[in-house]
Protein backbone atom coordinates (compact mmCIF):
# COMPACT_ATOMS: atom_id res chain seq x y z
CA MET A 1 117.93 60.42 -3.35
CA VAL A 2 119.01 63.89 -2.21
CA THR A 3 122.36 64.71 -0.59
CA LEU A 4 122.81 67.87 1.49
CA THR A 5 125.57 69.57 3.45
CA ASN A 6 125.17 72.04 6.31
CA TYR A 7 128.01 74.13 4.85
CA GLY A 8 125.89 76.82 3.24
CA ALA A 9 122.76 74.61 3.54
CA LYS A 10 123.67 73.26 0.13
CA ILE A 11 122.05 70.74 -2.19
CA VAL A 12 124.97 68.52 -3.20
CA SER A 13 123.19 65.98 -5.39
CA VAL A 14 119.77 64.83 -6.57
CA PHE A 15 119.71 61.34 -8.08
CA THR A 16 116.83 60.40 -10.35
CA PRO A 17 116.19 57.83 -13.12
CA ASP A 18 116.03 58.60 -16.83
CA LYS A 19 113.56 57.09 -19.32
CA ASN A 20 115.55 53.84 -19.32
CA GLY A 21 115.88 53.64 -15.55
CA ALA A 22 119.53 54.80 -15.43
CA ILE A 23 120.23 56.83 -12.28
CA GLU A 24 122.16 60.10 -12.58
CA ASP A 25 122.85 63.12 -10.39
CA VAL A 26 120.97 66.01 -12.02
CA VAL A 27 122.47 68.93 -10.06
CA LEU A 28 125.94 70.46 -10.27
CA GLY A 29 128.17 70.29 -7.24
CA TYR A 30 131.48 69.28 -5.72
CA LYS A 31 132.57 66.02 -4.11
CA SER A 32 133.96 67.47 -0.86
CA VAL A 33 133.52 70.40 1.52
CA ASP A 34 137.11 71.47 0.77
CA GLU A 35 136.15 71.96 -2.88
CA TYR A 36 133.17 74.12 -1.90
CA VAL A 37 135.41 76.21 0.37
CA ALA A 38 138.03 76.69 -2.35
CA GLY A 39 135.63 77.01 -5.30
CA ASP A 40 132.18 78.39 -6.04
CA ALA A 41 130.58 78.20 -2.61
CA GLY A 42 127.27 79.44 -4.02
CA GLN A 43 126.75 76.19 -5.91
CA GLY A 44 123.55 74.62 -4.55
CA ALA A 45 123.55 76.96 -1.56
CA VAL A 46 121.01 79.02 0.32
CA VAL A 47 121.87 82.62 -0.56
CA GLY A 48 121.07 85.46 1.79
CA PRO A 49 120.23 87.67 3.51
CA TYR A 50 119.75 89.08 0.01
CA ALA A 51 120.22 87.12 -3.20
CA ASN A 52 121.11 88.89 -6.45
CA ARG A 53 122.48 92.43 -6.69
CA ILE A 54 122.06 95.60 -4.64
CA ALA A 55 123.21 98.66 -6.59
CA ASN A 56 126.20 100.55 -5.14
CA GLY A 57 126.26 98.15 -2.19
CA GLN A 58 123.82 100.34 -0.27
CA PHE A 59 120.22 100.52 0.82
CA GLU A 60 118.23 102.85 3.05
CA ILE A 61 115.58 102.03 5.66
CA ASP A 62 113.87 104.73 7.76
CA GLY A 63 116.47 107.31 6.77
CA GLN A 64 119.49 105.15 7.71
CA VAL A 65 121.90 104.10 4.99
CA TYR A 66 123.46 100.66 5.30
CA GLN A 67 126.75 99.95 3.54
CA LEU A 68 127.30 96.41 2.23
CA PRO A 69 130.33 94.71 0.68
CA VAL A 70 130.89 95.63 -3.00
CA ASN A 71 131.96 92.49 -4.84
CA ASN A 72 130.44 92.70 -8.34
CA HIS A 73 131.18 95.83 -10.39
CA LYS A 74 129.74 98.51 -8.07
CA ALA A 75 127.13 96.20 -6.57
CA CYS A 76 126.78 93.85 -3.64
CA LEU A 77 126.13 90.41 -5.12
CA HIS A 78 124.55 87.68 -2.96
CA SER A 79 125.26 89.71 0.22
CA GLY A 80 129.05 89.62 -0.26
CA THR A 81 131.68 86.91 -0.46
CA GLN A 82 131.24 85.49 3.06
CA SER A 83 127.48 85.52 3.59
CA PHE A 84 125.00 82.71 4.23
CA TYR A 85 126.41 80.39 1.56
CA ARG A 86 129.77 80.19 3.40
CA GLN A 87 128.33 79.62 6.88
CA VAL A 88 127.92 76.35 8.80
CA TYR A 89 124.29 75.74 9.75
CA ASP A 90 122.99 73.62 12.60
CA ALA A 91 121.16 70.67 11.03
CA LYS A 92 118.85 67.93 12.22
CA GLU A 93 116.67 65.28 10.61
CA ILE A 94 112.94 65.58 11.22
CA GLN A 95 109.75 63.91 10.04
CA THR A 96 106.98 66.01 8.51
CA ALA A 97 103.52 65.28 7.17
CA ASP A 98 104.98 65.59 3.65
CA GLY A 99 107.91 63.22 4.24
CA PRO A 100 111.42 63.00 5.75
CA ALA A 101 113.19 66.36 6.06
CA VAL A 102 116.35 68.12 7.18
CA GLU A 103 115.98 71.36 9.12
CA MET A 104 118.91 73.78 8.99
CA THR A 105 119.18 76.90 11.17
CA LEU A 106 121.57 79.85 11.22
CA ALA A 107 121.92 82.95 13.40
CA SER A 108 123.35 86.13 11.89
CA ALA A 109 124.25 89.05 14.16
CA ASP A 110 123.14 92.66 13.79
CA GLY A 111 125.44 94.38 11.29
CA GLU A 112 126.95 91.21 9.84
CA TRP A 113 127.91 91.99 6.20
CA GLY A 114 126.25 95.37 6.77
CA PHE A 115 122.70 94.02 7.19
CA PRO A 116 120.69 95.28 10.20
CA GLY A 117 119.05 93.14 12.85
CA ASN A 118 119.77 89.94 14.71
CA LYS A 119 118.52 87.44 12.17
CA ASN A 120 117.46 83.82 12.67
CA VAL A 121 116.99 81.72 9.55
CA LYS A 122 115.49 78.25 9.16
CA VAL A 123 115.59 76.28 5.92
CA THR A 124 113.79 72.94 5.67
CA TYR A 125 114.43 70.47 2.86
CA THR A 126 111.71 67.82 2.48
CA LEU A 127 111.71 64.79 0.19
CA THR A 128 107.98 64.48 -0.40
CA LYS A 129 105.98 61.29 -0.74
CA ASP A 130 105.73 61.84 -4.52
CA ASN A 131 109.54 62.30 -4.79
CA GLY A 132 109.44 66.08 -5.01
CA LEU A 133 112.04 68.27 -3.33
CA LYS A 134 110.43 71.00 -1.23
CA ILE A 135 112.30 73.95 0.31
CA ASP A 136 110.72 76.09 3.04
CA TYR A 137 112.36 79.29 4.28
CA GLU A 138 111.69 81.17 7.51
CA ALA A 139 113.47 84.26 8.84
CA THR A 140 113.00 86.63 11.76
CA THR A 141 114.83 89.84 12.66
CA ASP A 142 114.63 92.41 15.44
CA LYS A 143 115.26 95.30 13.01
CA ALA A 144 113.78 96.08 9.62
CA CYS A 145 115.94 94.43 6.96
CA PHE A 146 115.53 93.53 3.31
CA PHE A 147 115.39 89.76 2.81
CA ASN A 148 115.54 87.81 -0.44
CA LEU A 149 116.38 84.19 0.34
CA THR A 150 116.77 81.63 -2.41
CA ASN A 151 118.57 78.44 -3.37
CA HIS A 152 121.32 78.72 -5.97
CA VAL A 153 121.25 75.17 -7.35
CA TYR A 154 121.96 74.44 -11.03
CA PHE A 155 120.18 71.54 -12.74
CA ASN A 156 121.24 69.48 -15.74
CA LEU A 157 118.53 66.95 -16.50
CA LYS A 158 120.94 64.91 -18.64
CA GLY A 159 123.10 64.40 -15.56
CA GLU A 160 126.03 66.21 -14.02
CA GLY A 161 128.96 66.35 -16.44
CA MET A 162 126.81 65.13 -19.35
CA GLY A 163 127.10 68.30 -21.47
CA ASP A 164 125.23 71.60 -21.41
CA ILE A 165 121.52 72.34 -21.02
CA LEU A 166 121.00 74.44 -24.15
CA ASP A 167 118.69 71.82 -25.70
CA HIS A 168 116.50 71.59 -22.58
CA VAL A 169 112.98 72.77 -23.45
CA LEU A 170 111.63 75.42 -21.09
CA VAL A 171 108.21 76.93 -20.39
CA VAL A 172 107.79 79.80 -17.91
CA ASP A 173 104.42 81.24 -16.88
CA ALA A 174 105.53 84.87 -17.11
CA ASN A 175 104.40 87.65 -19.44
CA SER A 176 107.08 90.10 -18.30
CA SER A 177 110.57 90.37 -16.82
CA THR A 178 112.65 92.88 -14.88
CA ALA A 179 114.74 94.79 -17.44
CA VAL A 180 118.46 95.38 -16.89
CA GLY A 181 120.34 98.33 -18.32
CA ASP A 182 123.84 97.03 -18.95
CA SER A 183 126.42 94.37 -18.06
CA THR A 184 126.17 95.22 -14.34
CA LEU A 185 122.74 93.50 -14.48
CA ILE A 186 121.10 95.96 -12.08
CA PRO A 187 117.33 96.12 -12.73
CA THR A 188 116.24 99.48 -14.15
CA GLY A 189 112.84 99.30 -12.46
CA GLU A 190 111.07 98.67 -15.77
CA ILE A 191 108.72 95.69 -15.95
CA ALA A 192 109.17 94.73 -19.59
CA PRO A 193 106.71 92.60 -21.60
CA VAL A 194 108.35 89.48 -23.02
CA ALA A 195 105.91 88.98 -25.94
CA GLY A 196 107.75 88.95 -29.24
CA THR A 197 111.19 88.97 -27.57
CA ASP A 198 113.87 86.37 -26.92
CA PHE A 199 112.74 86.33 -23.27
CA ASP A 200 109.35 84.86 -24.14
CA PHE A 201 109.03 81.30 -22.77
CA THR A 202 105.26 81.29 -22.47
CA GLN A 203 105.45 78.67 -25.25
CA PRO A 204 108.09 75.90 -25.27
CA HIS A 205 111.56 76.92 -26.47
CA LYS A 206 114.99 75.38 -26.11
CA VAL A 207 117.12 77.31 -23.64
CA GLY A 208 119.87 77.83 -26.22
CA GLU A 209 117.59 78.59 -29.17
CA ARG A 210 117.92 82.37 -28.84
CA ILE A 211 120.55 82.90 -26.16
CA LYS A 212 123.20 84.09 -28.63
CA ASN A 213 120.96 87.07 -29.44
CA LEU A 214 121.27 88.33 -25.86
CA PRO A 215 124.41 90.22 -24.75
CA TYR A 216 123.85 89.25 -21.09
CA GLY A 217 122.19 85.88 -21.67
CA TYR A 218 119.23 85.00 -19.44
CA ASN A 219 120.69 86.37 -16.21
CA MET A 220 117.44 88.09 -15.26
CA ASN A 221 114.17 87.70 -13.39
CA PHE A 222 110.76 86.69 -14.68
CA VAL A 223 107.71 88.42 -13.22
CA LEU A 224 105.42 85.45 -12.77
CA ASN A 225 101.73 85.34 -13.67
CA LYS A 226 100.39 84.69 -10.18
CA ASN A 227 97.09 85.67 -8.60
CA SER A 228 98.61 85.71 -5.12
CA ASN A 229 102.21 85.99 -3.94
CA ASN A 230 101.46 83.53 -1.13
CA GLU A 231 99.91 80.81 -3.28
CA LEU A 232 102.07 77.80 -4.16
CA SER A 233 101.63 77.29 -7.88
CA LYS A 234 103.46 75.85 -10.86
CA VAL A 235 105.49 78.49 -12.69
CA ALA A 236 107.89 76.58 -14.96
CA GLU A 237 108.53 73.26 -16.70
CA VAL A 238 111.79 71.89 -18.11
CA TYR A 239 112.17 68.83 -20.35
CA ASP A 240 115.22 67.00 -21.68
CA SER A 241 114.36 64.70 -24.59
CA GLU A 242 117.69 62.85 -24.40
CA SER A 243 117.11 61.54 -20.88
CA GLY A 244 113.33 61.87 -20.83
CA ARG A 245 113.55 63.71 -17.52
CA PHE A 246 110.90 66.34 -16.84
CA MET A 247 110.97 68.89 -14.00
CA GLU A 248 108.23 71.16 -12.65
CA VAL A 249 108.94 74.26 -10.57
CA TYR A 250 106.49 75.52 -7.96
CA THR A 251 106.83 78.64 -5.82
CA THR A 252 104.89 81.00 -3.57
CA GLU A 253 107.02 83.94 -4.74
CA PRO A 254 106.27 86.58 -7.42
CA GLY A 255 109.52 86.14 -9.35
CA TRP A 256 111.76 83.39 -10.72
CA ARG A 257 115.30 83.81 -12.00
CA LEU A 258 116.67 82.00 -15.03
CA ARG A 259 120.42 81.75 -15.34
CA PRO A 260 121.70 78.97 -17.64
CA GLN A 261 125.16 77.78 -16.71
CA LEU A 262 126.80 77.21 -20.09
CA HIS A 263 129.53 74.84 -18.95
CA PRO A 264 128.77 71.11 -18.25
């Protein structure tokens, strides 16, 4: 069972059985909209127009510089503090060939949070016939604009509130990552090989096995081994031996971000 809210197009809960049949919620979230408003509204949310950081809160398209909110060191993080994850989407239930779904739509005006173009966004959550959770994103704009939509959900395969995820075993199909220079976590532009480093998950490793070696943890992006950016393919696997739960991650995109949340 999956629970959603149209406040930020958020995933609130995903209930699934463990190896003994016990049902637990395996994503982190709050119990009420008021808690999302007062707390971390990015939890489980669709983040956009641009997820992650934009250095100096600025970008340039066709010679025009666009100024964005600066809310993380000198960067714009997740498009500012009031962006897509704090907006109320229109939502409706639909039926698809893959299974029952919820379609959420949002309109964002030209210049909102500094981003150009009148933007229309549609996010569709589908509970597939094989009990997978599928997320489809669509966006249109009448001006050139950088887009980087994602969902900001955190998983704990033991169950929400059941401890940390440092003993989860992870495999990621990526031979390189985007290097960051310092604690601001802005990519340097270098595509760094992971072989022989603590970022190498091409073979199974526990998430917490080497994290103490890393001053910034795993708050970075993997460059996935994909033949085509538009091909849906498996890029990661996560396993929790305590619960027996196993998760596969599929994407059409060229990158995947790992960010362990160290609290329960």
